[in-house]
PDB file of all heavy atoms in Angstrom:
ATOM      1  N   ARG A   1     113.218 113.678  79.652  1.00  0.00           N
ATOM      2  CA  ARG A   1     112.034 113.386  78.890  1.00  0.00           C
ATOM      3  C   ARG A   1     111.565 112.021  79.119  1.00  0.00           C
ATOM      4  O   ARG A   1     112.223 111.023  78.879  1.00  0.00           O
ATOM      5  CB  ARG A   1     112.279 113.580  77.386  1.00  0.00           C
ATOM      6  CG  ARG A   1     111.116 113.460  76.476  1.00  0.00           C
ATOM      7  CD  ARG A   1     111.459 113.812  75.035  1.00  0.00           C
ATOM      8  NE  ARG A   1     110.466 113.403  74.108  1.00  0.00           N
ATOM      9  CZ  ARG A   1     109.393 114.150  73.849  1.00  0.00           C
ATOM     10  NH1 ARG A   1     109.194 115.270  74.406  1.00  0.00           N
ATOM     11  NH2 ARG A   1     108.464 113.727  73.007  1.00  0.00           N
ATOM     12  N   LYS A   2     110.381 111.912  79.692  1.00  0.00           N
ATOM     13  CA  LYS A   2     109.836 110.574  80.034  1.00  0.00           C
ATOM     14  C   LYS A   2     108.397 110.601  80.322  1.00  0.00           C
ATOM     15  O   LYS A   2     107.892 111.593  80.822  1.00  0.00           O
ATOM     16  CB  LYS A   2     110.571 110.095  81.290  1.00  0.00           C
ATOM     17  CG  LYS A   2     110.309 108.698  81.705  1.00  0.00           C
ATOM     18  CD  LYS A   2     111.186 108.297  82.837  1.00  0.00           C
ATOM     19  CE  LYS A   2     111.002 106.798  83.180  1.00  0.00           C
ATOM     20  NZ  LYS A   2     111.850 106.332  84.230  1.00  0.00           N
ATOM     21  N   VAL A   3     107.643 109.568  80.004  1.00  0.00           N
ATOM     22  CA  VAL A   3     106.226 109.438  80.450  1.00  0.00           C
ATOM     23  C   VAL A   3     106.150 108.805  81.819  1.00  0.00           C
ATOM     24  O   VAL A   3     106.706 107.777  81.969  1.00  0.00           O
ATOM     25  CB  VAL A   3     105.429 108.603  79.385  1.00  0.00           C
ATOM     26  CG1 VAL A   3     103.969 108.350  79.824  1.00  0.00           C
ATOM     27  CG2 VAL A   3     105.478 109.299  78.041  1.00  0.00           C
ATOM     28  N   LEU A   4     105.420 109.514  82.666  1.00  0.00           N
ATOM     29  CA  LEU A   4     105.298 109.082  84.084  1.00  0.00           C
ATOM     30  C   LEU A   4     103.762 108.686  84.308  1.00  0.00           C
ATOM     31  O   LEU A   4     102.960 109.333  83.641  1.00  0.00           O
ATOM     32  CB  LEU A   4     105.691 110.055  85.039  1.00  0.00           C
ATOM     33  CG  LEU A   4     107.094 110.606  84.966  1.00  0.00           C
ATOM     34  CD1 LEU A   4     107.356 111.689  86.012  1.00  0.00           C
ATOM     35  CD2 LEU A   4     108.119 109.434  85.193  1.00  0.00           C
ATOM     36  N   VAL A   5     103.469 107.822  85.210  1.00  0.00           N
ATOM     37  CA  VAL A   5     102.143 107.461  85.547  1.00  0.00           C
ATOM     38  C   VAL A   5     101.946 107.853  87.024  1.00  0.00           C
ATOM     39  O   VAL A   5     102.750 107.430  87.911  1.00  0.00           O
ATOM     40  CB  VAL A   5     101.843 106.008  85.354  1.00  0.00           C
ATOM     41  CG1 VAL A   5     100.417 105.685  85.711  1.00  0.00           C
ATOM     42  CG2 VAL A   5     102.080 105.578  83.896  1.00  0.00           C
ATOM     43  N   THR A   6     100.902 108.702  87.228  1.00  0.00           N
ATOM     44  CA  THR A   6     100.644 109.175  88.677  1.00  0.00           C
ATOM     45  C   THR A   6      99.969 108.050  89.475  1.00  0.00           C
ATOM     46  O   THR A   6      99.555 107.088  88.952  1.00  0.00           O
ATOM     47  CB  THR A   6      99.749 110.441  88.637  1.00  0.00           C
ATOM     48  OG1 THR A   6      98.460 110.043  88.150  1.00  0.00           O
ATOM     49  CG2 THR A   6     100.278 111.470  87.721  1.00  0.00           C
ATOM     50  N   THR A   7      99.779 108.307  90.784  1.00  0.00           N
ATOM     51  CA  THR A   7      99.132 107.368  91.665  1.00  0.00           C
ATOM     52  C   THR A   7      97.692 107.257  91.252  1.00  0.00           C
ATOM     53  O   THR A   7      97.111 106.137  91.481  1.00  0.00           O
ATOM     54  CB  THR A   7      99.213 107.841  93.108  1.00  0.00           C
ATOM     55  OG1 THR A   7      98.732 109.134  93.253  1.00  0.00           O
ATOM     56  CG2 THR A   7     100.681 107.781  93.614  1.00  0.00           C
ATOM     57  N   SER A   8      97.037 108.127  90.604  1.00  0.00           N
ATOM     58  CA  SER A   8      95.630 108.023  90.153  1.00  0.00           C
ATOM     59  C   SER A   8      95.572 107.387  88.758  1.00  0.00           C
ATOM     60  O   SER A   8      94.521 107.120  88.350  1.00  0.00           O
ATOM     61  CB  SER A   8      94.986 109.370  90.113  1.00  0.00           C
ATOM     62  OG  SER A   8      95.533 110.254  89.061  1.00  0.00           O
ATOM     63  N   GLY A   9      96.693 107.101  88.070  1.00  0.00           N
ATOM     64  CA  GLY A   9      96.716 106.425  86.851  1.00  0.00           C
ATOM     65  C   GLY A   9      96.879 107.387  85.665  1.00  0.00           C
ATOM     66  O   GLY A   9      96.863 106.919  84.492  1.00  0.00           O
ATOM     67  N   ALA A  10      96.935 108.690  85.904  1.00  0.00           N
ATOM     68  CA  ALA A  10      97.076 109.647  84.781  1.00  0.00           C
ATOM     69  C   ALA A  10      98.536 109.552  84.206  1.00  0.00           C
ATOM     70  O   ALA A  10      99.540 109.291  84.909  1.00  0.00           O
ATOM     71  CB  ALA A  10      96.809 111.043  85.272  1.00  0.00           C
ATOM     72  N   ARG A  11      98.631 109.775  82.953  1.00  0.00           N
ATOM     73  CA  ARG A  11      99.919 109.742  82.224  1.00  0.00           C
ATOM     74  C   ARG A  11     100.320 111.216  81.946  1.00  0.00           C
ATOM     75  O   ARG A  11      99.548 112.018  81.551  1.00  0.00           O
ATOM     76  CB  ARG A  11      99.748 109.015  80.876  1.00  0.00           C
ATOM     77  CG  ARG A  11      99.576 107.554  81.141  1.00  0.00           C
ATOM     78  CD  ARG A  11      99.214 106.752  79.859  1.00  0.00           C
ATOM     79  NE  ARG A  11      99.999 107.054  78.663  1.00  0.00           N
ATOM     80  CZ  ARG A  11     101.133 106.377  78.328  1.00  0.00           C
ATOM     81  NH1 ARG A  11     101.503 105.359  79.012  1.00  0.00           N
ATOM     82  NH2 ARG A  11     101.767 106.732  77.220  1.00  0.00           N
ATOM     83  N   ILE A  12     101.626 111.419  82.228  1.00  0.00           N
ATOM     84  CA  ILE A  12     102.205 112.760  82.151  1.00  0.00           C
ATOM     85  C   ILE A  12     103.482 112.683  81.289  1.00  0.00           C
ATOM     86  O   ILE A  12     104.355 111.802  81.534  1.00  0.00           O
ATOM     87  CB  ILE A  12     102.582 113.377  83.505  1.00  0.00           C
ATOM     88  CG1 ILE A  12     101.449 113.450  84.383  1.00  0.00           C
ATOM     89  CG2 ILE A  12     103.354 114.734  83.298  1.00  0.00           C
ATOM     90  CD1 ILE A  12     101.809 113.782  85.831  1.00  0.00           C
ATOM     91  N   LEU A  13     103.594 113.522  80.274  1.00  0.00           N
ATOM     92  CA  LEU A  13     104.906 113.606  79.571  1.00  0.00           C
ATOM     93  C   LEU A  13     105.702 114.666  80.168  1.00  0.00           C
ATOM     94  O   LEU A  13     105.327 115.854  80.082  1.00  0.00           O
ATOM     95  CB  LEU A  13     104.611 113.878  78.052  1.00  0.00           C
ATOM     96  CG  LEU A  13     105.885 114.166  77.256  1.00  0.00           C
ATOM     97  CD1 LEU A  13     106.817 112.970  77.216  1.00  0.00           C
ATOM     98  CD2 LEU A  13     105.576 114.658  75.904  1.00  0.00           C
ATOM     99  N   VAL A  14     106.838 114.289  80.815  1.00  0.00           N
ATOM    100  CA  VAL A  14     107.780 115.230  81.277  1.00  0.00           C
ATOM    101  C   VAL A  14     108.722 115.507  80.156  1.00  0.00           C
ATOM    102  O   VAL A  14     109.293 114.635  79.596  1.00  0.00           O
ATOM    103  CB  VAL A  14     108.532 114.706  82.514  1.00  0.00           C
ATOM    104  CG1 VAL A  14     109.573 115.749  83.023  1.00  0.00           C
ATOM    105  CG2 VAL A  14     107.539 114.396  83.648  1.00  0.00           C
ATOM    106  N   ASP A  15     108.842 116.814  79.802  1.00  0.00           N
ATOM    107  CA  ASP A  15     109.647 117.292  78.667  1.00  0.00           C
ATOM    108  C   ASP A  15     110.454 118.529  79.113  1.00  0.00           C
ATOM    109  O   ASP A  15     110.025 119.662  78.813  1.00  0.00           O
ATOM    110  CB  ASP A  15     108.701 117.572  77.430  1.00  0.00           C
ATOM    111  CG  ASP A  15     109.569 117.832  76.222  1.00  0.00           C
ATOM    112  OD1 ASP A  15     110.870 117.532  76.235  1.00  0.00           O
ATOM    113  OD2 ASP A  15     109.027 118.356  75.253  1.00  0.00           O
ATOM    114  N   LEU A  16     111.493 118.314  79.877  1.00  0.00           N
ATOM    115  CA  LEU A  16     112.212 119.394  80.434  1.00  0.00           C
ATOM    116  C   LEU A  16     113.379 119.796  79.415  1.00  0.00           C
ATOM    117  O   LEU A  16     113.796 119.021  78.621  1.00  0.00           O
ATOM    118  CB  LEU A  16     112.903 119.031  81.733  1.00  0.00           C
ATOM    119  CG  LEU A  16     111.887 118.492  82.787  1.00  0.00           C
ATOM    120  CD1 LEU A  16     112.633 118.017  83.966  1.00  0.00           C
ATOM    121  CD2 LEU A  16     110.908 119.606  83.139  1.00  0.00           C
ATOM    122  N   SER A  17     113.835 121.103  79.536  1.00  0.00           N
ATOM    123  CA  SER A  17     114.878 121.563  78.675  1.00  0.00           C
ATOM    124  C   SER A  17     116.237 120.993  78.841  1.00  0.00           C
ATOM    125  O   SER A  17     117.122 120.952  77.983  1.00  0.00           O
ATOM    126  CB  SER A  17     114.922 123.073  78.711  1.00  0.00           C
ATOM    127  OG  SER A  17     115.344 123.453  80.076  1.00  0.00           O
ATOM    128  N   LYS A  18     116.479 120.465  80.138  1.00  0.00           N
ATOM    129  CA  LYS A  18     117.725 119.825  80.457  1.00  0.00           C
ATOM    130  C   LYS A  18     117.477 118.700  81.514  1.00  0.00           C
ATOM    131  O   LYS A  18     116.437 118.692  82.183  1.00  0.00           O
ATOM    132  CB  LYS A  18     118.754 120.788  80.941  1.00  0.00           C
ATOM    133  CG  LYS A  18     118.370 121.484  82.264  1.00  0.00           C
ATOM    134  CD  LYS A  18     119.439 122.488  82.700  1.00  0.00           C
ATOM    135  CE  LYS A  18     118.899 123.215  84.010  1.00  0.00           C
ATOM    136  NZ  LYS A  18     119.855 124.053  84.502  1.00  0.00           N
ATOM    137  N   THR A  19     118.386 117.745  81.560  1.00  0.00           N
ATOM    138  CA  THR A  19     118.220 116.683  82.521  1.00  0.00           C
ATOM    139  C   THR A  19     118.311 117.355  84.016  1.00  0.00           C
ATOM    140  O   THR A  19     119.077 118.195  84.286  1.00  0.00           O
ATOM    141  CB  THR A  19     119.320 115.701  82.433  1.00  0.00           C
ATOM    142  OG1 THR A  19     119.302 115.241  81.090  1.00  0.00           O
ATOM    143  CG2 THR A  19     119.218 114.545  83.416  1.00  0.00           C
ATOM    144  N   THR A  20     117.280 116.950  84.759  1.00  0.00           N
ATOM    145  CA  THR A  20     117.069 117.561  86.096  1.00  0.00           C
ATOM    146  C   THR A  20     116.980 116.533  87.169  1.00  0.00           C
ATOM    147  O   THR A  20     116.409 115.385  86.960  1.00  0.00           O
ATOM    148  CB  THR A  20     115.771 118.398  86.033  1.00  0.00           C
ATOM    149  OG1 THR A  20     115.940 119.276  84.962  1.00  0.00           O
ATOM    150  CG2 THR A  20     115.474 119.070  87.357  1.00  0.00           C
ATOM    151  N   SER A  21     117.479 116.781  88.361  1.00  0.00           N
ATOM    152  CA  SER A  21     117.360 115.877  89.489  1.00  0.00           C
ATOM    153  C   SER A  21     116.193 116.430  90.306  1.00  0.00           C
ATOM    154  O   SER A  21     116.260 117.523  90.860  1.00  0.00           O
ATOM    155  CB  SER A  21     118.658 115.993  90.285  1.00  0.00           C
ATOM    156  OG  SER A  21     118.530 115.094  91.401  1.00  0.00           O
ATOM    157  N   LEU A  22     115.113 115.544  90.479  1.00  0.00           N
ATOM    158  CA  LEU A  22     114.013 115.914  91.272  1.00  0.00           C
ATOM    159  C   LEU A  22     114.210 115.407  92.625  1.00  0.00           C
ATOM    160  O   LEU A  22     114.764 114.303  92.831  1.00  0.00           O
ATOM    161  CB  LEU A  22     112.728 115.335  90.588  1.00  0.00           C
ATOM    162  CG  LEU A  22     112.425 115.777  89.188  1.00  0.00           C
ATOM    163  CD1 LEU A  22     111.290 114.935  88.641  1.00  0.00           C
ATOM    164  CD2 LEU A  22     112.257 117.208  89.076  1.00  0.00           C
ATOM    165  N   ASN A  23     113.678 116.129  93.552  1.00  0.00           N
ATOM    166  CA  ASN A  23     113.660 115.745  95.045  1.00  0.00           C
ATOM    167  C   ASN A  23     112.341 115.378  95.511  1.00  0.00           C
ATOM    168  O   ASN A  23     111.334 115.912  95.034  1.00  0.00           O
ATOM    169  CB  ASN A  23     114.350 116.793  95.871  1.00  0.00           C
ATOM    170  CG  ASN A  23     115.800 117.051  95.498  1.00  0.00           C
ATOM    171  OD1 ASN A  23     116.498 116.143  95.394  1.00  0.00           O
ATOM    172  ND2 ASN A  23     116.182 118.351  95.219  1.00  0.00           N
ATOM    173  N   HIS A  24     112.304 114.647  96.541  1.00  0.00           N
ATOM    174  CA  HIS A  24     111.056 114.335  97.299  1.00  0.00           C
ATOM    175  C   HIS A  24     110.459 115.713  97.712  1.00  0.00           C
ATOM    176  O   HIS A  24     111.178 116.516  98.261  1.00  0.00           O
ATOM    177  CB  HIS A  24     111.295 113.510  98.548  1.00  0.00           C
ATOM    178  CG  HIS A  24     110.105 113.244  99.376  1.00  0.00           C
ATOM    179  ND1 HIS A  24     109.228 112.224  99.122  1.00  0.00           N
ATOM    180  CD2 HIS A  24     109.686 113.819 100.520  1.00  0.00           C
ATOM    181  CE1 HIS A  24     108.302 112.209 100.050  1.00  0.00           C
ATOM    182  NE2 HIS A  24     108.490 113.174 100.849  1.00  0.00           N
ATOM    183  N   GLY A  25     109.168 115.890  97.362  1.00  0.00           N
ATOM    184  CA  GLY A  25     108.548 117.223  97.746  1.00  0.00           C
ATOM    185  C   GLY A  25     108.539 118.264  96.642  1.00  0.00           C
ATOM    186  O   GLY A  25     107.915 119.352  96.709  1.00  0.00           O
ATOM    187  N   ASP A  26     109.271 118.039  95.473  1.00  0.00           N
ATOM    188  CA  ASP A  26     109.196 118.859  94.370  1.00  0.00           C
ATOM    189  C   ASP A  26     107.803 118.578  93.714  1.00  0.00           C
ATOM    190  O   ASP A  26     107.102 117.708  94.017  1.00  0.00           O
ATOM    191  CB  ASP A  26     110.255 118.667  93.326  1.00  0.00           C
ATOM    192  CG  ASP A  26     111.588 119.143  93.822  1.00  0.00           C
ATOM    193  OD1 ASP A  26     111.739 119.902  94.761  1.00  0.00           O
ATOM    194  OD2 ASP A  26     112.657 118.750  93.189  1.00  0.00           O
ATOM    195  N   ALA A  27     107.475 119.466  92.742  1.00  0.00           N
ATOM    196  CA  ALA A  27     106.205 119.316  91.993  1.00  0.00           C
ATOM    197  C   ALA A  27     106.432 119.537  90.538  1.00  0.00           C
ATOM    198  O   ALA A  27     107.219 120.392  90.094  1.00  0.00           O
ATOM    199  CB  ALA A  27     105.137 120.303  92.515  1.00  0.00           C
ATOM    200  N   LEU A  28     105.720 118.727  89.747  1.00  0.00           N
ATOM    201  CA  LEU A  28     105.688 118.879  88.328  1.00  0.00           C
ATOM    202  C   LEU A  28     104.492 119.808  87.984  1.00  0.00           C
ATOM    203  O   LEU A  28     103.361 119.589  88.407  1.00  0.00           O
ATOM    204  CB  LEU A  28     105.447 117.583  87.581  1.00  0.00           C
ATOM    205  CG  LEU A  28     106.372 116.454  87.965  1.00  0.00           C
ATOM    206  CD1 LEU A  28     105.892 115.114  87.397  1.00  0.00           C
ATOM    207  CD2 LEU A  28     107.740 116.766  87.595  1.00  0.00           C
ATOM    208  N   GLU A  29     104.805 120.874  87.310  1.00  0.00           N
ATOM    209  CA  GLU A  29     103.688 121.794  86.859  1.00  0.00           C
ATOM    210  C   GLU A  29     103.195 121.425  85.489  1.00  0.00           C
ATOM    211  O   GLU A  29     104.029 121.464  84.520  1.00  0.00           O
ATOM    212  CB  GLU A  29     104.091 123.259  86.955  1.00  0.00           C
ATOM    213  CG  GLU A  29     102.980 124.263  86.651  1.00  0.00           C
ATOM    214  CD  GLU A  29     103.342 125.663  86.750  1.00  0.00           C
ATOM    215  OE1 GLU A  29     104.424 125.983  87.336  1.00  0.00           O
ATOM    216  OE2 GLU A  29     102.569 126.527  86.310  1.00  0.00           O
ATOM    217  N   LEU A  30     101.957 121.064  85.375  1.00  0.00           N
ATOM    218  CA  LEU A  30     101.412 120.633  84.104  1.00  0.00           C
ATOM    219  C   LEU A  30     100.994 121.821  83.271  1.00  0.00           C
ATOM    220  O   LEU A  30     100.847 122.889  83.775  1.00  0.00           O
ATOM    221  CB  LEU A  30     100.228 119.646  84.336  1.00  0.00           C
ATOM    222  CG  LEU A  30     100.523 118.397  85.239  1.00  0.00           C
ATOM    223  CD1 LEU A  30      99.310 117.550  85.396  1.00  0.00           C
ATOM    224  CD2 LEU A  30     101.703 117.684  84.752  1.00  0.00           C
ATOM    225  N   ASP A  31     100.779 121.553  82.005  1.00  0.00           N
ATOM    226  CA  ASP A  31     100.445 122.605  80.980  1.00  0.00           C
ATOM    227  C   ASP A  31      99.097 123.212  81.361  1.00  0.00           C
ATOM    228  O   ASP A  31      98.786 124.333  80.983  1.00  0.00           O
ATOM    229  CB  ASP A  31     100.439 122.121  79.603  1.00  0.00           C
ATOM    230  CG  ASP A  31      99.711 120.790  79.403  1.00  0.00           C
ATOM    231  OD1 ASP A  31      99.052 120.301  80.399  1.00  0.00           O
ATOM    232  OD2 ASP A  31      99.793 120.237  78.281  1.00  0.00           O
ATOM    233  N   ASN A  32      98.229 122.487  82.185  1.00  0.00           N
ATOM    234  CA  ASN A  32      96.897 123.091  82.534  1.00  0.00           C
ATOM    235  C   ASN A  32      97.059 123.784  83.945  1.00  0.00           C
ATOM    236  O   ASN A  32      96.025 124.181  84.485  1.00  0.00           O
ATOM    237  CB  ASN A  32      95.847 122.001  82.648  1.00  0.00           C
ATOM    238  CG  ASN A  32      96.120 120.930  83.649  1.00  0.00           C
ATOM    239  OD1 ASN A  32      97.087 121.055  84.429  1.00  0.00           O
ATOM    240  ND2 ASN A  32      95.318 119.866  83.658  1.00  0.00           N
ATOM    241  N   GLY A  33      98.227 123.887  84.489  1.00  0.00           N
ATOM    242  CA  GLY A  33      98.452 124.575  85.759  1.00  0.00           C
ATOM    243  C   GLY A  33      98.395 123.651  86.979  1.00  0.00           C
ATOM    244  O   GLY A  33      98.846 124.082  88.138  1.00  0.00           O
ATOM    245  N   ALA A  34      97.854 122.443  86.833  1.00  0.00           N
ATOM    246  CA  ALA A  34      97.828 121.445  87.984  1.00  0.00           C
ATOM    247  C   ALA A  34      99.217 121.098  88.352  1.00  0.00           C
ATOM    248  O   ALA A  34     100.192 121.122  87.576  1.00  0.00           O
ATOM    249  CB  ALA A  34      97.061 120.292  87.605  1.00  0.00           C
ATOM    250  N   LEU A  35      99.401 120.775  89.688  1.00  0.00           N
ATOM    251  CA  LEU A  35     100.655 120.344  90.237  1.00  0.00           C
ATOM    252  C   LEU A  35     100.607 118.909  90.630  1.00  0.00           C
ATOM    253  O   LEU A  35      99.648 118.425  91.216  1.00  0.00           O
ATOM    254  CB  LEU A  35     101.057 121.194  91.474  1.00  0.00           C
ATOM    255  CG  LEU A  35     101.206 122.719  91.205  1.00  0.00           C
ATOM    256  CD1 LEU A  35     101.357 123.406  92.493  1.00  0.00           C
ATOM    257  CD2 LEU A  35     102.386 122.905  90.310  1.00  0.00           C
ATOM    258  N   VAL A  36     101.704 118.116  90.302  1.00  0.00           N
ATOM    259  CA  VAL A  36     101.785 116.769  90.687  1.00  0.00           C
ATOM    260  C   VAL A  36     103.029 116.588  91.570  1.00  0.00           C
ATOM    261  O   VAL A  36     104.174 116.886  91.134  1.00  0.00           O
ATOM    262  CB  VAL A  36     101.962 115.831  89.516  1.00  0.00           C
ATOM    263  CG1 VAL A  36     102.252 114.362  89.883  1.00  0.00           C
ATOM    264  CG2 VAL A  36     100.727 115.976  88.585  1.00  0.00           C
ATOM    265  N   GLU A  37     102.870 116.221  92.880  1.00  0.00           N
ATOM    266  CA  GLU A  37     103.918 116.112  93.813  1.00  0.00           C
ATOM    267  C   GLU A  37     104.790 114.928  93.572  1.00  0.00           C
ATOM    268  O   GLU A  37     104.287 113.823  93.303  1.00  0.00           O
ATOM    269  CB  GLU A  37     103.401 116.061  95.244  1.00  0.00           C
ATOM    270  CG  GLU A  37     104.449 116.051  96.268  1.00  0.00           C
ATOM    271  CD  GLU A  37     103.905 116.085  97.720  1.00  0.00           C
ATOM    272  OE1 GLU A  37     102.718 115.835  97.900  1.00  0.00           O
ATOM    273  OE2 GLU A  37     104.752 116.363  98.583  1.00  0.00           O
ATOM    274  N   VAL A  38     106.079 115.107  93.584  1.00  0.00           N
ATOM    275  CA  VAL A  38     107.084 114.019  93.490  1.00  0.00           C
ATOM    276  C   VAL A  38     107.327 113.380  94.850  1.00  0.00           C
ATOM    277  O   VAL A  38     107.728 114.114  95.793  1.00  0.00           O
ATOM    278  CB  VAL A  38     108.410 114.517  92.785  1.00  0.00           C
ATOM    279  CG1 VAL A  38     109.498 113.407  92.790  1.00  0.00           C
ATOM    280  CG2 VAL A  38     108.093 115.081  91.440  1.00  0.00           C
ATOM    281  N   LEU A  39     107.137 112.126  94.984  1.00  0.00           N
ATOM    282  CA  LEU A  39     107.378 111.385  96.185  1.00  0.00           C
ATOM    283  C   LEU A  39     108.555 110.438  95.998  1.00  0.00           C
ATOM    284  O   LEU A  39     108.649 109.857  94.975  1.00  0.00           O
ATOM    285  CB  LEU A  39     106.232 110.623  96.647  1.00  0.00           C
ATOM    286  CG  LEU A  39     104.910 111.469  96.900  1.00  0.00           C
ATOM    287  CD1 LEU A  39     103.740 110.473  97.229  1.00  0.00           C
ATOM    288  CD2 LEU A  39     105.133 112.456  97.941  1.00  0.00           C
ATOM    289  N   ALA A  40     109.389 110.265  96.971  1.00  0.00           N
ATOM    290  CA  ALA A  40     110.423 109.278  96.951  1.00  0.00           C
ATOM    291  C   ALA A  40     109.820 107.860  97.138  1.00  0.00           C
ATOM    292  O   ALA A  40     109.180 107.631  98.182  1.00  0.00           O
ATOM    293  CB  ALA A  40     111.510 109.547  97.986  1.00  0.00           C
ATOM    294  N   ALA A  41     109.998 107.003  96.163  1.00  0.00           N
ATOM    295  CA  ALA A  41     109.423 105.710  96.232  1.00  0.00           C
ATOM    296  C   ALA A  41     110.219 104.749  97.099  1.00  0.00           C
ATOM    297  O   ALA A  41     111.423 104.987  97.285  1.00  0.00           O
ATOM    298  CB  ALA A  41     109.260 105.078  94.778  1.00  0.00           C
TER     299      ALA A  41
END
């Protein structure tokens, strides 16, 4: 559970049922159906 800020400046609340390891190339599916790609910084 964490608030993230996308490259365009949008704020997203990630609220997963369990702690998860995300990988480069995974995507966060938002409540409106949009996808946000996870990049390794």
